[in-house]
C-alpha atoms as a PDB file:
ATOM      1  CA  MET A   1     -13.496  -6.857 -21.042  1.00  0.00           C
ATOM      2  CA  ASN A   2     -16.806  -5.826 -19.677  1.00  0.00           C
ATOM      3  CA  GLU A   3     -18.003  -1.940 -20.580  1.00  0.00           C
ATOM      4  CA  LYS A   4     -16.656   1.011 -18.517  1.00  0.00           C
ATOM      5  CA  LYS A   5     -19.123   2.270 -15.767  1.00  0.00           C
ATOM      6  CA  TRP A   6     -18.828   5.733 -14.899  1.00  0.00           C
ATOM      7  CA  LEU A   7     -18.399   6.690 -10.940  1.00  0.00           C
ATOM      8  CA  ASP A   8     -20.481   9.666 -10.649  1.00  0.00           C
ATOM      9  CA  ASP A   9     -20.153  10.409  -6.842  1.00  0.00           C
ATOM     10  CA  THR A  10     -16.083   9.648  -6.746  1.00  0.00           C
ATOM     11  CA  ILE A  11     -13.488  12.315  -6.753  1.00  0.00           C
ATOM     12  CA  ILE A  12      -9.817  12.371  -6.907  1.00  0.00           C
ATOM     13  CA  TYR A  13      -7.559  14.179  -5.023  1.00  0.00           C
ATOM     14  CA  ARG A  14      -4.017  15.005  -5.564  1.00  0.00           C
ATOM     15  CA  GLY A  15      -1.714  16.077  -2.889  1.00  0.00           C
ATOM     16  CA  GLY A  16       1.717  15.175  -1.049  1.00  0.00           C
ATOM     17  CA  TYR A  17       3.445  15.823   2.466  1.00  0.00           C
ATOM     18  CA  ASP A  18       3.880  19.347   2.182  1.00  0.00           C
ATOM     19  CA  VAL A  19       0.926  20.147  -0.120  1.00  0.00           C
ATOM     20  CA  PRO A  20      -2.553  20.358   0.768  1.00  0.00           C
ATOM     21  CA  LYS A  21      -5.271  17.749  -0.833  1.00  0.00           C
ATOM     22  CA  LYS A  22      -6.362  19.422  -3.766  1.00  0.00           C
ATOM     23  CA  LYS A  23      -9.565  18.061  -6.050  1.00  0.00           C
ATOM     24  CA  GLU A  24      -8.355  16.432  -9.548  1.00  0.00           C
ATOM     25  CA  THR A  25     -11.301  15.200 -11.581  1.00  0.00           C
ATOM     26  CA  GLU A  26     -14.181  13.273 -11.159  1.00  0.00           C
ATOM     27  CA  ASP A  27     -14.397  11.688 -14.090  1.00  0.00           C
ATOM     28  CA  CYS A  28     -13.487   7.923 -13.251  1.00  0.00           C
ATOM     29  CA  GLN A  29     -14.556   4.827 -14.500  1.00  0.00           C
ATOM     30  CA  LEU A  30     -14.859   1.470 -13.177  1.00  0.00           C
ATOM     31  CA  GLN A  31     -14.644  -2.060 -14.967  1.00  0.00           C
ATOM     32  CA  PHE A  32     -13.977  -6.059 -14.716  1.00  0.00           C
ATOM     33  CA  ASN A  33     -11.194  -6.662 -16.733  1.00  0.00           C
ATOM     34  CA  LYS A  34     -11.423 -10.370 -18.061  1.00  0.00           C
ATOM     35  CA  LYS A  35      -8.351 -10.355 -19.360  1.00  0.00           C
ATOM     36  CA  THR A  36      -6.264  -9.250 -16.400  1.00  0.00           C
ATOM     37  CA  GLN A  37      -9.431 -11.064 -14.232  1.00  0.00           C
ATOM     38  CA  ALA A  38      -9.018  -7.303 -12.175  1.00  0.00           C
ATOM     39  CA  LEU A  39     -11.513  -4.478 -10.940  1.00  0.00           C
ATOM     40  CA  GLU A  40      -9.914  -1.504 -13.114  1.00  0.00           C
ATOM     41  CA  LEU A  41     -10.245   2.072 -11.878  1.00  0.00           C
ATOM     42  CA  SER A  42      -9.056   4.585 -14.650  1.00  0.00           C
ATOM     43  CA  PHE A  43      -8.491   8.428 -14.298  1.00  0.00           C
ATOM     44  CA  LYS A  44      -6.811  11.173 -15.816  1.00  0.00           C
ATOM     45  CA  ILE A  45      -4.721  13.533 -13.750  1.00  0.00           C
ATOM     46  CA  ALA A  46      -3.188  17.023 -15.158  1.00  0.00           C
ATOM     47  CA  SER A  47       0.570  16.009 -15.298  1.00  0.00           C
ATOM     48  CA  LYS A  48       3.203  18.685 -13.799  1.00  0.00           C
ATOM     49  CA  GLY A  49       4.608  19.439 -17.557  1.00  0.00           C
ATOM     50  CA  GLY A  50       1.706  19.855 -18.909  1.00  0.00           C
ATOM     51  CA  GLY A  51      -0.772  17.485 -20.952  1.00  0.00           C
ATOM     52  CA  GLU A  52      -2.350  14.419 -18.887  1.00  0.00           C
ATOM     53  CA  THR A  53      -1.077  11.615 -16.807  1.00  0.00           C
ATOM     54  CA  HIS A  54      -3.717   8.291 -17.467  1.00  0.00           C
ATOM     55  CA  ILE A  55      -3.741   6.259 -14.252  1.00  0.00           C
ATOM     56  CA  LEU A  56      -5.067   2.525 -13.795  1.00  0.00           C
ATOM     57  CA  VAL A  57      -5.417   0.896 -10.788  1.00  0.00           C
ATOM     58  CA  ARG A  58      -6.111  -2.975 -11.105  1.00  0.00           C
ATOM     59  CA  MET A  59      -7.341  -4.557  -7.721  1.00  0.00           C
ATOM     60  CA  HIS A  60      -7.033  -8.472  -8.479  1.00  0.00           C
ATOM     61  CA  GLU A  61      -9.204 -11.207  -6.697  1.00  0.00           C
ATOM     62  CA  GLY A  62      -7.001 -11.522  -3.087  1.00  0.00           C
ATOM     63  CA  ASP A  63      -8.008  -8.166  -2.467  1.00  0.00           C
ATOM     64  CA  PHE A  64     -11.767  -8.761  -3.167  1.00  0.00           C
ATOM     65  CA  PRO A  65     -12.368  -9.576   0.431  1.00  0.00           C
ATOM     66  CA  ALA A  66     -10.431  -6.322   1.771  1.00  0.00           C
ATOM     67  CA  ILE A  67     -12.632  -4.366  -0.428  1.00  0.00           C
ATOM     68  CA  LEU A  68     -16.073  -5.976   0.497  1.00  0.00           C
ATOM     69  CA  ASN A  69     -15.376  -5.729   3.746  1.00  0.00           C
ATOM     70  CA  GLU A  70     -14.463  -1.846   3.408  1.00  0.00           C
ATOM     71  CA  ILE A  71     -17.839  -1.890   1.733  1.00  0.00           C
ATOM     72  CA  GLY A  72     -19.836  -3.451   4.174  1.00  0.00           C
ATOM     73  CA  GLU A  73     -18.286  -1.171   7.040  1.00  0.00           C
ATOM     74  CA  ALA A  74     -19.684   1.742   4.721  1.00  0.00           C
ATOM     75  CA  ALA A  75     -23.043   0.000   4.798  1.00  0.00           C
ATOM     76  CA  ILE A  76     -23.171  -0.761   8.407  1.00  0.00           C
ATOM     77  CA  PHE A  77     -22.336   2.769   9.378  1.00  0.00           C
ATOM     78  CA  ARG A  78     -25.197   4.540   6.461  1.00  0.00           C
ATOM     79  CA  ARG A  79     -27.413   1.700   8.155  1.00  0.00           C
ATOM     80  CA  ASP A  80     -26.328   3.177  11.830  1.00  0.00           C
ATOM     81  CA  GLN A  81     -26.740   6.909  10.699  1.00  0.00           C
ATOM     82  CA  MET A  82     -30.076   6.210   8.978  1.00  0.00           C
ATOM     83  CA  SER A  83     -31.598   4.481  12.242  1.00  0.00           C
ATOM     84  CA  GLU A  84     -30.098   7.449  14.371  1.00  0.00           C
ATOM     85  CA  MET A  85     -32.180  10.001  11.755  1.00  0.00           C
ATOM     86  CA  ASN A  86     -35.383   7.818  12.062  1.00  0.00           C
ATOM     87  CA  ILE A  87     -35.140   8.197  15.986  1.00  0.00           C
ATOM     88  CA  GLU A  88     -34.209  11.908  15.790  1.00  0.00           C
ATOM     89  CA  LEU A  89     -37.386  12.257  13.200  1.00  0.00           C
ATOM     90  CA  SER A  90     -39.446   9.864  15.755  1.00  0.00           C
ATOM     91  CA  SER A  91     -38.781  12.526  18.719  1.00  0.00           C
ATOM     92  CA  LEU A  92     -39.422  15.242  16.603  1.00  0.00           C
ATOM     93  CA  ARG A  93     -42.840  14.301  15.536  1.00  0.00           C
ATOM     94  CA  LYS A  94     -43.672  13.298  18.920  1.00  0.00           C
ATOM     95  CA  ASN A  95     -42.553  16.658  20.498  1.00  0.00           C
ATOM     96  CA  GLU A  96     -44.403  18.457  17.420  1.00  0.00           C
ATOM     97  CA  SER A  97     -47.480  16.505  18.001  1.00  0.00           C
ATOM     98  CA  SER A  98     -47.229  17.419  21.748  1.00  0.00           C
ATOM     99  CA  ARG A  99     -47.098  20.767  21.236  1.00  0.00           C
ATOM    100  CA  ARG A 100     -50.133  20.709  18.729  1.00  0.00           C
ATOM    101  CA  ILE A 101     -52.286  18.883  21.615  1.00  0.00           C
ATOM    102  CA  LYS A 102     -50.763  21.490  24.119  1.00  0.00           C
ATOM    103  CA  THR A 103     -51.586  24.459  22.069  1.00  0.00           C
ATOM    104  CA  LYS A 104     -55.239  22.910  21.522  1.00  0.00           C
ATOM    105  CA  LEU A 105     -55.516  22.528  25.091  1.00  0.00           C
ATOM    106  CA  LYS A 106     -54.869  25.708  25.154  1.00  0.00           C
ATOM    107  CA  LYS A 107     -57.213  27.118  22.658  1.00  0.00           C
ATOM    108  CA  LEU A 108     -59.958  24.838  24.753  1.00  0.00           C
ATOM    109  CA  LYS A 109     -59.317  26.168  27.975  1.00  0.00           C
ATOM    110  CA  LEU A 110     -59.327  29.505  26.949  1.00  0.00           C
ATOM    111  CA  SER A 111     -62.653  29.298  24.624  1.00  0.00           C
ATOM    112  CA  ASN A 112     -64.363  27.464  27.830  1.00  0.00           C
ATOM    113  CA  LEU A 113     -62.800  30.304  30.218  1.00  0.00           C
ATOM    114  CA  LYS A 114     -64.559  32.706  28.099  1.00  0.00           C
ATOM    115  CA  LYS A 115     -67.922  30.964  28.391  1.00  0.00           C
ATOM    116  CA  SER A 116     -67.907  30.747  31.548  1.00  0.00           C
ATOM    117  CA  ARG A 117     -67.416  33.936  31.767  1.00  0.00           C
ATOM    118  CA  ASN A 118     -69.807  35.173  29.541  1.00  0.00           C
ATOM    119  CA  LYS A 119     -72.841  33.641  31.559  1.00  0.00           C
END
């Protein structure tokens, strides 16, 4: 087995049909198990009667394409968000630059107007 890696940005929620989801744990580990040839996601949640329930999710090779497809979708979504943010930032920079130019022109006009009045 490979060394388990902590998933720092993963949160496990628990909920039911009539019960809203509640945060259960952030202690989640991932590893590739060579013996089972599966990705294993493991975590613990509180048991109903006290104590802890250990949960292991095994994802075998047949599910890898679906997993990778979802990772690809997430990457595309993130890329599109970043692109939209860059467009917005560029627009804000242009607007700010335009405001600065207009302010400088106003100051220059006022300065020239004062000079012409003083003559």
